[in-house]
Amino acid sequence: MALLKVLEFLISATVLYSFGLAVYRIQFHPLAAFPGPRFAAITYWWEFYQDYCVKGGGTSFIELDKLHEKYGPIVRIRPNELHVKDSNWYKTLYPGPGHTILHKALAAERASTDRKDREGPGKSQQPSNLIERIVDSDLPPEERRPSRIIEEVLVLLVAGGLPVANAASVAVYHVLNDPRLKMRIQGELIQRFPNLHDTIPANEELQALPLLSAMVKEALRIGDVLIARDPLIAETALQYDSWTIPAGAAVSMTFVKSASDPGIFTNPARFDPDRWL
């Protein structure tokens, strides 16, 4: 009997807690005034339901578009997360490159490489690779933990692998599928590098070619494979239109939505490097 009473108490307490938490998140949470489905405001299980319980699975990405059609450009998709669909606000949320240890290490690596080039071989005793650069840096100890370094290396491998390979495949396909574009790019390369078969141009020289650079940008735009959101925690209050987003709230956008926004790119599904010229 005692055990039964304990179980009854635990069940009752769980139900009351869940009910109180739901009421708080709907009525009194700092994001309570933002539009969105009640299910998403109450629990973090909304996204799980869309991805694993709806027939076909993996529908949360598609469902976001439906939510924005219904509720507008800013939607509450989790108890403490807002999603914004407005390409004009992208640079407000993501004003520049991140400040992870990877970015810091890469910056130091580039500086070290430049210094080695100036000094010549055998004159520098600096760390020889990115991981050594992180380990031997003056970053706080918690930023140099093995688990933290592994996370950053995985980011580097993924970001430097799949998106680049996919963009290259997209570029090759569209260039070969468009004889006129192929001839224009060949002409630009031959004009700048008459002996292209005998020499390998430097990256800086290739980046100076307008059409080739435009083709790369268009391939990155149309071939983007990162459909996941990139939530950031607002350290200070943010303003979106008439909405004030409180500090501490997670805010996310989806890059692929901006890259295919017809308000920015005319006929966004079309591969058109000339849009960058």
C-alpha atoms as a PDB file:
ATOM      1  CA  MET A   1       0.000   0.000   0.000  1.00  0.00           C
ATOM      2  CA  ALA A   2       2.795   2.396   0.869  1.00  0.00           C
ATOM      3  CA  LEU A   3       4.413   1.817  -2.520  1.00  0.00           C
ATOM      4  CA  LEU A   4       1.092   2.378  -4.270  1.00  0.00           C
ATOM      5  CA  LYS A   5       0.621   5.697  -2.475  1.00  0.00           C
ATOM      6  CA  VAL A   6       4.123   6.763  -3.460  1.00  0.00           C
ATOM      7  CA  LEU A   7       3.397   5.945  -7.102  1.00  0.00           C
ATOM      8  CA  GLU A   8       0.080   7.824  -6.940  1.00  0.00           C
ATOM      9  CA  PHE A   9       1.883  10.833  -5.456  1.00  0.00           C
ATOM     10  CA  LEU A  10       4.592  10.746  -8.120  1.00  0.00           C
ATOM     11  CA  ILE A  11       2.060  10.458 -10.929  1.00  0.00           C
ATOM     12  CA  SER A  12      -0.052  13.278  -9.504  1.00  0.00           C
ATOM     13  CA  ALA A  13       3.021  15.475  -9.009  1.00  0.00           C
ATOM     14  CA  THR A  14       4.178  14.786 -12.574  1.00  0.00           C
ATOM     15  CA  VAL A  15       0.780  15.634 -14.006  1.00  0.00           C
ATOM     16  CA  LEU A  16       0.509  18.825 -11.952  1.00  0.00           C
ATOM     17  CA  TYR A  17       4.053  19.864 -12.858  1.00  0.00           C
ATOM     18  CA  SER A  18       3.469  19.215 -16.563  1.00  0.00           C
ATOM     19  CA  PHE A  19       0.193  21.146 -16.462  1.00  0.00           C
ATOM     20  CA  GLY A  20       1.794  24.063 -14.619  1.00  0.00           C
ATOM     21  CA  LEU A  21       4.743  24.090 -17.033  1.00  0.00           C
ATOM     22  CA  ALA A  22       2.388  24.113 -20.011  1.00  0.00           C
ATOM     23  CA  VAL A  23       0.405  27.025 -18.546  1.00  0.00           C
ATOM     24  CA  TYR A  24       3.618  28.937 -17.840  1.00  0.00           C
ATOM     25  CA  ARG A  25       4.981  28.415 -21.351  1.00  0.00           C
ATOM     26  CA  ILE A  26       1.723  29.470 -22.981  1.00  0.00           C
ATOM     27  CA  GLN A  27       0.787  32.392 -20.749  1.00  0.00           C
ATOM     28  CA  PHE A  28       3.822  33.692 -18.854  1.00  0.00           C
ATOM     29  CA  HIS A  29       6.962  32.674 -20.763  1.00  0.00           C
ATOM     30  CA  PRO A  30       8.962  35.602 -22.262  1.00  0.00           C
ATOM     31  CA  LEU A  31       8.040  34.239 -25.720  1.00  0.00           C
ATOM     32  CA  ALA A  32       4.358  33.725 -24.904  1.00  0.00           C
ATOM     33  CA  ALA A  33       3.222  36.595 -27.149  1.00  0.00           C
ATOM     34  CA  PHE A  34       4.942  35.245 -30.260  1.00  0.00           C
ATOM     35  CA  PRO A  35       2.771  33.384 -32.792  1.00  0.00           C
ATOM     36  CA  GLY A  36       3.074  29.668 -33.391  1.00  0.00           C
ATOM     37  CA  PRO A  37       1.427  26.316 -32.701  1.00  0.00           C
ATOM     38  CA  ARG A  38       0.561  25.631 -29.075  1.00  0.00           C
ATOM     39  CA  PHE A  39       2.151  22.167 -29.256  1.00  0.00           C
ATOM     40  CA  ALA A  40       5.515  23.714 -30.178  1.00  0.00           C
ATOM     41  CA  ALA A  41       5.182  26.333 -27.422  1.00  0.00           C
ATOM     42  CA  ILE A  42       4.500  23.713 -24.757  1.00  0.00           C
ATOM     43  CA  THR A  43       7.026  21.013 -25.593  1.00  0.00           C
ATOM     44  CA  TYR A  44      10.241  20.307 -27.460  1.00  0.00           C
ATOM     45  CA  TRP A  45       8.608  17.185 -28.891  1.00  0.00           C
ATOM     46  CA  TRP A  46       6.949  19.044 -31.791  1.00  0.00           C
ATOM     47  CA  GLU A  47      10.004  18.712 -34.010  1.00  0.00           C
ATOM     48  CA  PHE A  48      10.428  15.040 -33.044  1.00  0.00           C
ATOM     49  CA  TYR A  49       6.787  14.423 -33.942  1.00  0.00           C
ATOM     50  CA  GLN A  50       7.245  16.008 -37.382  1.00  0.00           C
ATOM     51  CA  ASP A  51      10.448  14.122 -38.129  1.00  0.00           C
ATOM     52  CA  TYR A  52       9.612  10.678 -36.750  1.00  0.00           C
ATOM     53  CA  CYS A  53       5.861  10.306 -36.279  1.00  0.00           C
ATOM     54  CA  VAL A  54       4.371  11.946 -39.370  1.00  0.00           C
ATOM     55  CA  LYS A  55       4.129   9.625 -42.362  1.00  0.00           C
ATOM     56  CA  GLY A  56       7.284   9.852 -44.424  1.00  0.00           C
ATOM     57  CA  GLY A  57       9.302  11.440 -41.597  1.00  0.00           C
ATOM     58  CA  GLY A  58      11.703  14.346 -41.757  1.00  0.00           C
ATOM     59  CA  THR A  59       8.935  16.876 -42.368  1.00  0.00           C
ATOM     60  CA  SER A  60       9.870  19.570 -39.832  1.00  0.00           C
ATOM     61  CA  PHE A  61      11.904  21.394 -42.488  1.00  0.00           C
ATOM     62  CA  ILE A  62       8.872  21.486 -44.794  1.00  0.00           C
ATOM     63  CA  GLU A  63       6.499  22.238 -41.943  1.00  0.00           C
ATOM     64  CA  LEU A  64       8.432  25.435 -41.157  1.00  0.00           C
ATOM     65  CA  ASP A  65       7.277  26.932 -44.454  1.00  0.00           C
ATOM     66  CA  LYS A  66       3.670  26.088 -43.616  1.00  0.00           C
ATOM     67  CA  LEU A  67       4.019  27.702 -40.195  1.00  0.00           C
ATOM     68  CA  HIS A  68       5.359  30.904 -41.727  1.00  0.00           C
ATOM     69  CA  GLU A  69       2.522  30.941 -44.252  1.00  0.00           C
ATOM     70  CA  LYS A  70       0.060  30.696 -41.392  1.00  0.00           C
ATOM     71  CA  TYR A  71       1.674  32.817 -38.663  1.00  0.00           C
ATOM     72  CA  GLY A  72       3.973  35.230 -40.498  1.00  0.00           C
ATOM     73  CA  PRO A  73       7.742  35.791 -40.760  1.00  0.00           C
ATOM     74  CA  ILE A  74       8.496  35.086 -37.079  1.00  0.00           C
ATOM     75  CA  VAL A  75       7.245  31.887 -35.449  1.00  0.00           C
ATOM     76  CA  ARG A  76       7.770  30.204 -32.095  1.00  0.00           C
ATOM     77  CA  ILE A  77       8.840  26.643 -32.939  1.00  0.00           C
ATOM     78  CA  ARG A  78      10.065  25.542 -29.490  1.00  0.00           C
ATOM     79  CA  PRO A  79       9.372  26.726 -25.956  1.00  0.00           C
ATOM     80  CA  ASN A  80      12.472  28.926 -26.111  1.00  0.00           C
ATOM     81  CA  GLU A  81      13.191  29.226 -29.840  1.00  0.00           C
ATOM     82  CA  LEU A  82      11.937  31.525 -32.568  1.00  0.00           C
ATOM     83  CA  HIS A  83      12.413  30.981 -36.290  1.00  0.00           C
ATOM     84  CA  VAL A  84      12.584  33.947 -38.650  1.00  0.00           C
ATOM     85  CA  LYS A  85      11.973  33.763 -42.382  1.00  0.00           C
ATOM     86  CA  ASP A  86      13.116  37.096 -43.722  1.00  0.00           C
ATOM     87  CA  SER A  87      16.238  37.285 -45.873  1.00  0.00           C
ATOM     88  CA  ASN A  88      16.632  41.000 -45.140  1.00  0.00           C
ATOM     89  CA  TRP A  89      17.171  40.180 -41.448  1.00  0.00           C
ATOM     90  CA  TYR A  90      19.829  37.525 -42.068  1.00  0.00           C
ATOM     91  CA  LYS A  91      22.800  39.834 -41.482  1.00  0.00           C
ATOM     92  CA  THR A  92      21.225  41.141 -38.298  1.00  0.00           C
ATOM     93  CA  LEU A  93      21.193  37.678 -36.748  1.00  0.00           C
ATOM     94  CA  TYR A  94      24.425  36.493 -38.379  1.00  0.00           C
ATOM     95  CA  PRO A  95      26.481  39.692 -38.750  1.00  0.00           C
ATOM     96  CA  GLY A  96      29.776  37.975 -39.520  1.00  0.00           C
ATOM     97  CA  PRO A  97      31.898  34.859 -39.055  1.00  0.00           C
ATOM     98  CA  GLY A  98      31.619  32.952 -35.801  1.00  0.00           C
ATOM     99  CA  HIS A  99      34.093  33.134 -32.970  1.00  0.00           C
ATOM    100  CA  THR A 100      34.643  29.461 -32.238  1.00  0.00           C
ATOM    101  CA  ILE A 101      38.075  28.135 -31.399  1.00  0.00           C
ATOM    102  CA  LEU A 102      38.189  26.845 -34.962  1.00  0.00           C
ATOM    103  CA  HIS A 103      37.907  30.354 -36.397  1.00  0.00           C
ATOM    104  CA  LYS A 104      40.591  31.610 -34.015  1.00  0.00           C
ATOM    105  CA  ALA A 105      42.893  28.710 -34.811  1.00  0.00           C
ATOM    106  CA  LEU A 106      42.407  29.118 -38.546  1.00  0.00           C
ATOM    107  CA  ALA A 107      43.261  32.795 -38.281  1.00  0.00           C
ATOM    108  CA  ALA A 108      46.418  31.938 -36.346  1.00  0.00           C
ATOM    109  CA  GLU A 109      47.262  29.214 -38.858  1.00  0.00           C
ATOM    110  CA  ARG A 110      46.983  31.640 -41.766  1.00  0.00           C
ATOM    111  CA  ALA A 111      49.198  34.144 -39.948  1.00  0.00           C
ATOM    112  CA  SER A 112      51.735  31.403 -39.223  1.00  0.00           C
ATOM    113  CA  THR A 113      51.741  30.284 -42.842  1.00  0.00           C
ATOM    114  CA  ASP A 114      52.348  33.828 -44.031  1.00  0.00           C
ATOM    115  CA  ARG A 115      55.201  34.189 -41.545  1.00  0.00           C
ATOM    116  CA  LYS A 116      56.783  30.902 -42.650  1.00  0.00           C
ATOM    117  CA  ASP A 117      56.590  32.004 -46.265  1.00  0.00           C
ATOM    118  CA  ARG A 118      58.447  35.199 -45.386  1.00  0.00           C
ATOM    119  CA  GLU A 119      61.050  33.523 -43.184  1.00  0.00           C
ATOM    120  CA  GLY A 120      61.775  30.594 -45.449  1.00  0.00           C
ATOM    121  CA  PRO A 121      62.172  26.902 -44.514  1.00  0.00           C
ATOM    122  CA  GLY A 122      63.716  25.882 -41.218  1.00  0.00           C
ATOM    123  CA  LYS A 123      63.343  29.235 -39.500  1.00  0.00           C
ATOM    124  CA  SER A 124      60.065  28.775 -37.667  1.00  0.00           C
ATOM    125  CA  GLN A 125      59.398  26.542 -34.668  1.00  0.00           C
ATOM    126  CA  GLN A 126      55.659  27.217 -34.635  1.00  0.00           C
ATOM    127  CA  PRO A 127      53.128  24.317 -34.444  1.00  0.00           C
ATOM    128  CA  SER A 128      52.799  22.578 -37.783  1.00  0.00           C
ATOM    129  CA  ASN A 129      49.074  21.814 -37.940  1.00  0.00           C
ATOM    130  CA  LEU A 130      45.695  23.095 -36.838  1.00  0.00           C
ATOM    131  CA  ILE A 131      45.268  20.785 -33.835  1.00  0.00           C
ATOM    132  CA  GLU A 132      48.709  21.703 -32.464  1.00  0.00           C
ATOM    133  CA  ARG A 133      47.818  25.341 -33.023  1.00  0.00           C
ATOM    134  CA  ILE A 134      44.725  24.939 -30.821  1.00  0.00           C
ATOM    135  CA  VAL A 135      46.481  22.907 -28.107  1.00  0.00           C
ATOM    136  CA  ASP A 136      49.418  25.333 -27.843  1.00  0.00           C
ATOM    137  CA  SER A 137      47.271  28.467 -28.002  1.00  0.00           C
ATOM    138  CA  ASP A 138      46.453  30.838 -25.150  1.00  0.00           C
ATOM    139  CA  LEU A 139      42.762  29.889 -25.251  1.00  0.00           C
ATOM    140  CA  PRO A 140      41.115  29.009 -21.909  1.00  0.00           C
ATOM    141  CA  PRO A 141      41.709  25.380 -20.786  1.00  0.00           C
ATOM    142  CA  GLU A 142      38.053  24.436 -21.280  1.00  0.00           C
ATOM    143  CA  GLU A 143      38.339  25.457 -24.934  1.00  0.00           C
ATOM    144  CA  ARG A 144      41.309  23.126 -25.396  1.00  0.00           C
ATOM    145  CA  ARG A 145      39.739  19.981 -23.996  1.00  0.00           C
ATOM    146  CA  PRO A 146      40.070  16.939 -26.331  1.00  0.00           C
ATOM    147  CA  SER A 147      36.294  16.605 -26.630  1.00  0.00           C
ATOM    148  CA  ARG A 148      36.003  20.281 -27.591  1.00  0.00           C
ATOM    149  CA  ILE A 149      38.768  19.995 -30.183  1.00  0.00           C
ATOM    150  CA  ILE A 150      37.130  16.894 -31.668  1.00  0.00           C
ATOM    151  CA  GLU A 151      33.865  18.811 -32.063  1.00  0.00           C
ATOM    152  CA  GLU A 152      35.620  21.597 -33.944  1.00  0.00           C
ATOM    153  CA  VAL A 153      37.577  19.199 -36.166  1.00  0.00           C
ATOM    154  CA  LEU A 154      34.354  17.413 -37.080  1.00  0.00           C
ATOM    155  CA  VAL A 155      32.838  20.776 -38.030  1.00  0.00           C
ATOM    156  CA  LEU A 156      35.876  21.460 -40.204  1.00  0.00           C
ATOM    157  CA  LEU A 157      35.638  18.057 -41.899  1.00  0.00           C
ATOM    158  CA  VAL A 158      31.922  18.364 -42.582  1.00  0.00           C
ATOM    159  CA  ALA A 159      31.968  22.023 -43.638  1.00  0.00           C
ATOM    160  CA  GLY A 160      35.040  21.530 -45.787  1.00  0.00           C
ATOM    161  CA  GLY A 161      33.868  18.312 -47.374  1.00  0.00           C
ATOM    162  CA  LEU A 162      30.225  17.728 -48.263  1.00  0.00           C
ATOM    163  CA  PRO A 163      29.199  21.328 -49.163  1.00  0.00           C
ATOM    164  CA  VAL A 164      32.315  21.846 -51.297  1.00  0.00           C
ATOM    165  CA  ALA A 165      31.928  18.507 -53.075  1.00  0.00           C
ATOM    166  CA  ASN A 166      28.244  19.145 -53.684  1.00  0.00           C
ATOM    167  CA  ALA A 167      28.871  22.662 -55.020  1.00  0.00           C
ATOM    168  CA  ALA A 168      31.587  21.327 -57.347  1.00  0.00           C
ATOM    169  CA  SER A 169      29.209  18.662 -58.667  1.00  0.00           C
ATOM    170  CA  VAL A 170      26.476  21.244 -59.249  1.00  0.00           C
ATOM    171  CA  ALA A 171      28.893  23.559 -61.082  1.00  0.00           C
ATOM    172  CA  VAL A 172      30.267  20.818 -63.333  1.00  0.00           C
ATOM    173  CA  TYR A 173      26.789  19.559 -64.190  1.00  0.00           C
ATOM    174  CA  HIS A 174      25.404  22.962 -65.139  1.00  0.00           C
ATOM    175  CA  VAL A 175      28.485  24.023 -67.096  1.00  0.00           C
ATOM    176  CA  LEU A 176      28.472  20.814 -69.140  1.00  0.00           C
ATOM    177  CA  ASN A 177      24.717  21.121 -69.605  1.00  0.00           C
ATOM    178  CA  ASP A 178      25.017  24.650 -71.016  1.00  0.00           C
ATOM    179  CA  PRO A 179      27.389  24.801 -74.055  1.00  0.00           C
ATOM    180  CA  ARG A 180      27.232  28.601 -74.166  1.00  0.00           C
ATOM    181  CA  LEU A 181      28.254  28.950 -70.517  1.00  0.00           C
ATOM    182  CA  LYS A 182      30.985  26.347 -71.039  1.00  0.00           C
ATOM    183  CA  MET A 183      32.444  28.331 -73.952  1.00  0.00           C
ATOM    184  CA  ARG A 184      32.351  31.587 -71.979  1.00  0.00           C
ATOM    185  CA  ILE A 185      34.227  30.083 -69.029  1.00  0.00           C
ATOM    186  CA  GLN A 186      36.745  28.395 -71.313  1.00  0.00           C
ATOM    187  CA  GLY A 187      37.282  31.689 -73.117  1.00  0.00           C
ATOM    188  CA  GLU A 188      37.841  33.557 -69.857  1.00  0.00           C
ATOM    189  CA  LEU A 189      40.375  30.982 -68.670  1.00  0.00           C
ATOM    190  CA  ILE A 190      42.271  30.809 -71.973  1.00  0.00           C
ATOM    191  CA  GLN A 191      42.423  34.586 -72.284  1.00  0.00           C
ATOM    192  CA  ARG A 192      43.879  34.949 -68.783  1.00  0.00           C
ATOM    193  CA  PHE A 193      46.028  31.805 -68.842  1.00  0.00           C
ATOM    194  CA  PRO A 194      47.176  31.009 -72.408  1.00  0.00           C
ATOM    195  CA  ASN A 195      49.401  28.203 -71.082  1.00  0.00           C
ATOM    196  CA  LEU A 196      46.833  26.754 -68.729  1.00  0.00           C
ATOM    197  CA  HIS A 197      47.860  23.162 -69.451  1.00  0.00           C
ATOM    198  CA  ASP A 198      51.450  23.888 -68.375  1.00  0.00           C
ATOM    199  CA  THR A 199      50.870  25.915 -65.202  1.00  0.00           C
ATOM    200  CA  ILE A 200      48.547  25.793 -62.198  1.00  0.00           C
ATOM    201  CA  PRO A 201      47.101  29.265 -61.476  1.00  0.00           C
ATOM    202  CA  ALA A 202      47.155  30.559 -57.919  1.00  0.00           C
ATOM    203  CA  ASN A 203      43.853  30.860 -56.043  1.00  0.00           C
ATOM    204  CA  GLU A 204      44.108  34.639 -56.066  1.00  0.00           C
ATOM    205  CA  GLU A 205      44.404  34.644 -59.851  1.00  0.00           C
ATOM    206  CA  LEU A 206      41.378  32.384 -60.270  1.00  0.00           C
ATOM    207  CA  GLN A 207      39.312  34.460 -57.842  1.00  0.00           C
ATOM    208  CA  ALA A 208      40.008  37.534 -59.986  1.00  0.00           C
ATOM    209  CA  LEU A 209      38.103  36.000 -62.915  1.00  0.00           C
ATOM    210  CA  PRO A 210      34.559  37.487 -62.822  1.00  0.00           C
ATOM    211  CA  LEU A 211      32.622  34.734 -64.584  1.00  0.00           C
ATOM    212  CA  LEU A 212      34.428  31.859 -62.850  1.00  0.00           C
ATOM    213  CA  SER A 213      33.845  33.494 -59.456  1.00  0.00           C
ATOM    214  CA  ALA A 214      30.184  34.071 -60.326  1.00  0.00           C
ATOM    215  CA  MET A 215      29.837  30.404 -61.286  1.00  0.00           C
ATOM    216  CA  VAL A 216      31.269  29.331 -57.920  1.00  0.00           C
ATOM    217  CA  LYS A 217      28.905  31.643 -56.017  1.00  0.00           C
ATOM    218  CA  GLU A 218      25.912  30.360 -57.965  1.00  0.00           C
ATOM    219  CA  ALA A 219      26.941  26.741 -57.363  1.00  0.00           C
ATOM    220  CA  LEU A 220      27.226  27.415 -53.628  1.00  0.00           C
ATOM    221  CA  ARG A 221      23.820  29.115 -53.649  1.00  0.00           C
ATOM    222  CA  ILE A 222      21.845  26.572 -55.628  1.00  0.00           C
ATOM    223  CA  GLY A 223      23.699  23.521 -54.355  1.00  0.00           C
ATOM    224  CA  ASP A 224      23.495  24.299 -50.661  1.00  0.00           C
ATOM    225  CA  VAL A 225      22.976  21.136 -48.621  1.00  0.00           C
ATOM    226  CA  LEU A 226      22.650  22.697 -45.160  1.00  0.00           C
ATOM    227  CA  ILE A 227      18.929  22.636 -44.497  1.00  0.00           C
ATOM    228  CA  ALA A 228      19.306  22.620 -40.725  1.00  0.00           C
ATOM    229  CA  ARG A 229      18.576  25.675 -38.630  1.00  0.00           C
ATOM    230  CA  ASP A 230      21.406  27.573 -36.979  1.00  0.00           C
ATOM    231  CA  PRO A 231      20.002  28.828 -33.644  1.00  0.00           C
ATOM    232  CA  LEU A 232      21.822  31.514 -31.686  1.00  0.00           C
ATOM    233  CA  ILE A 233      21.129  32.680 -28.142  1.00  0.00           C
ATOM    234  CA  ALA A 234      20.374  36.388 -28.010  1.00  0.00           C
ATOM    235  CA  GLU A 235      22.741  37.913 -25.434  1.00  0.00           C
ATOM    236  CA  THR A 236      20.835  41.176 -25.635  1.00  0.00           C
ATOM    237  CA  ALA A 237      17.332  41.997 -26.816  1.00  0.00           C
ATOM    238  CA  LEU A 238      16.901  41.932 -30.606  1.00  0.00           C
ATOM    239  CA  GLN A 239      14.385  43.880 -32.625  1.00  0.00           C
ATOM    240  CA  TYR A 240      12.585  42.318 -35.552  1.00  0.00           C
ATOM    241  CA  ASP A 241      10.000  44.617 -37.082  1.00  0.00           C
ATOM    242  CA  SER A 242       7.589  45.383 -34.216  1.00  0.00           C
ATOM    243  CA  TRP A 243       8.706  42.341 -32.201  1.00  0.00           C
ATOM    244  CA  THR A 244      11.241  42.632 -29.375  1.00  0.00           C
ATOM    245  CA  ILE A 245      13.044  39.332 -28.888  1.00  0.00           C
ATOM    246  CA  PRO A 246      14.160  39.048 -25.245  1.00  0.00           C
ATOM    247  CA  ALA A 247      17.705  38.221 -24.231  1.00  0.00           C
ATOM    248  CA  GLY A 248      18.214  34.513 -23.592  1.00  0.00           C
ATOM    249  CA  ALA A 249      15.865  33.385 -26.356  1.00  0.00           C
ATOM    250  CA  ALA A 250      17.137  31.147 -29.128  1.00  0.00           C
ATOM    251  CA  VAL A 251      16.635  32.597 -32.609  1.00  0.00           C
ATOM    252  CA  SER A 252      17.247  30.698 -35.829  1.00  0.00           C
ATOM    253  CA  MET A 253      17.068  31.086 -39.576  1.00  0.00           C
ATOM    254  CA  THR A 254      17.589  28.607 -42.397  1.00  0.00           C
ATOM    255  CA  PHE A 255      20.219  29.635 -44.939  1.00  0.00           C
ATOM    256  CA  VAL A 256      18.766  27.607 -47.792  1.00  0.00           C
ATOM    257  CA  LYS A 257      15.533  29.590 -47.474  1.00  0.00           C
ATOM    258  CA  SER A 258      17.406  32.849 -48.055  1.00  0.00           C
ATOM    259  CA  ALA A 259      19.410  31.335 -50.903  1.00  0.00           C
ATOM    260  CA  SER A 260      16.182  30.420 -52.704  1.00  0.00           C
ATOM    261  CA  ASP A 261      14.217  33.546 -51.832  1.00  0.00           C
ATOM    262  CA  PRO A 262      12.525  34.863 -55.017  1.00  0.00           C
ATOM    263  CA  GLY A 263      12.485  38.319 -53.449  1.00  0.00           C
ATOM    264  CA  ILE A 264      16.286  38.349 -53.751  1.00  0.00           C
ATOM    265  CA  PHE A 265      17.013  35.951 -56.614  1.00  0.00           C
ATOM    266  CA  THR A 266      14.816  36.123 -59.700  1.00  0.00           C
ATOM    267  CA  ASN A 267      13.880  32.596 -60.777  1.00  0.00           C
ATOM    268  CA  PRO A 268      15.889  31.086 -57.885  1.00  0.00           C
ATOM    269  CA  ALA A 269      15.736  27.510 -59.196  1.00  0.00           C
ATOM    270  CA  ARG A 270      17.659  28.508 -62.320  1.00  0.00           C
ATOM    271  CA  PHE A 271      21.469  28.229 -62.439  1.00  0.00           C
ATOM    272  CA  ASP A 272      22.466  31.717 -63.584  1.00  0.00           C
ATOM    273  CA  PRO A 273      26.008  32.963 -62.787  1.00  0.00           C
ATOM    274  CA  ASP A 274      25.201  36.261 -64.534  1.00  0.00           C
ATOM    275  CA  ARG A 275      23.089  37.286 -61.535  1.00  0.00           C
ATOM    276  CA  TRP A 276      26.383  37.847 -59.664  1.00  0.00           C
ATOM    277  CA  LEU A 277      28.006  39.982 -62.372  1.00  0.00           C
END
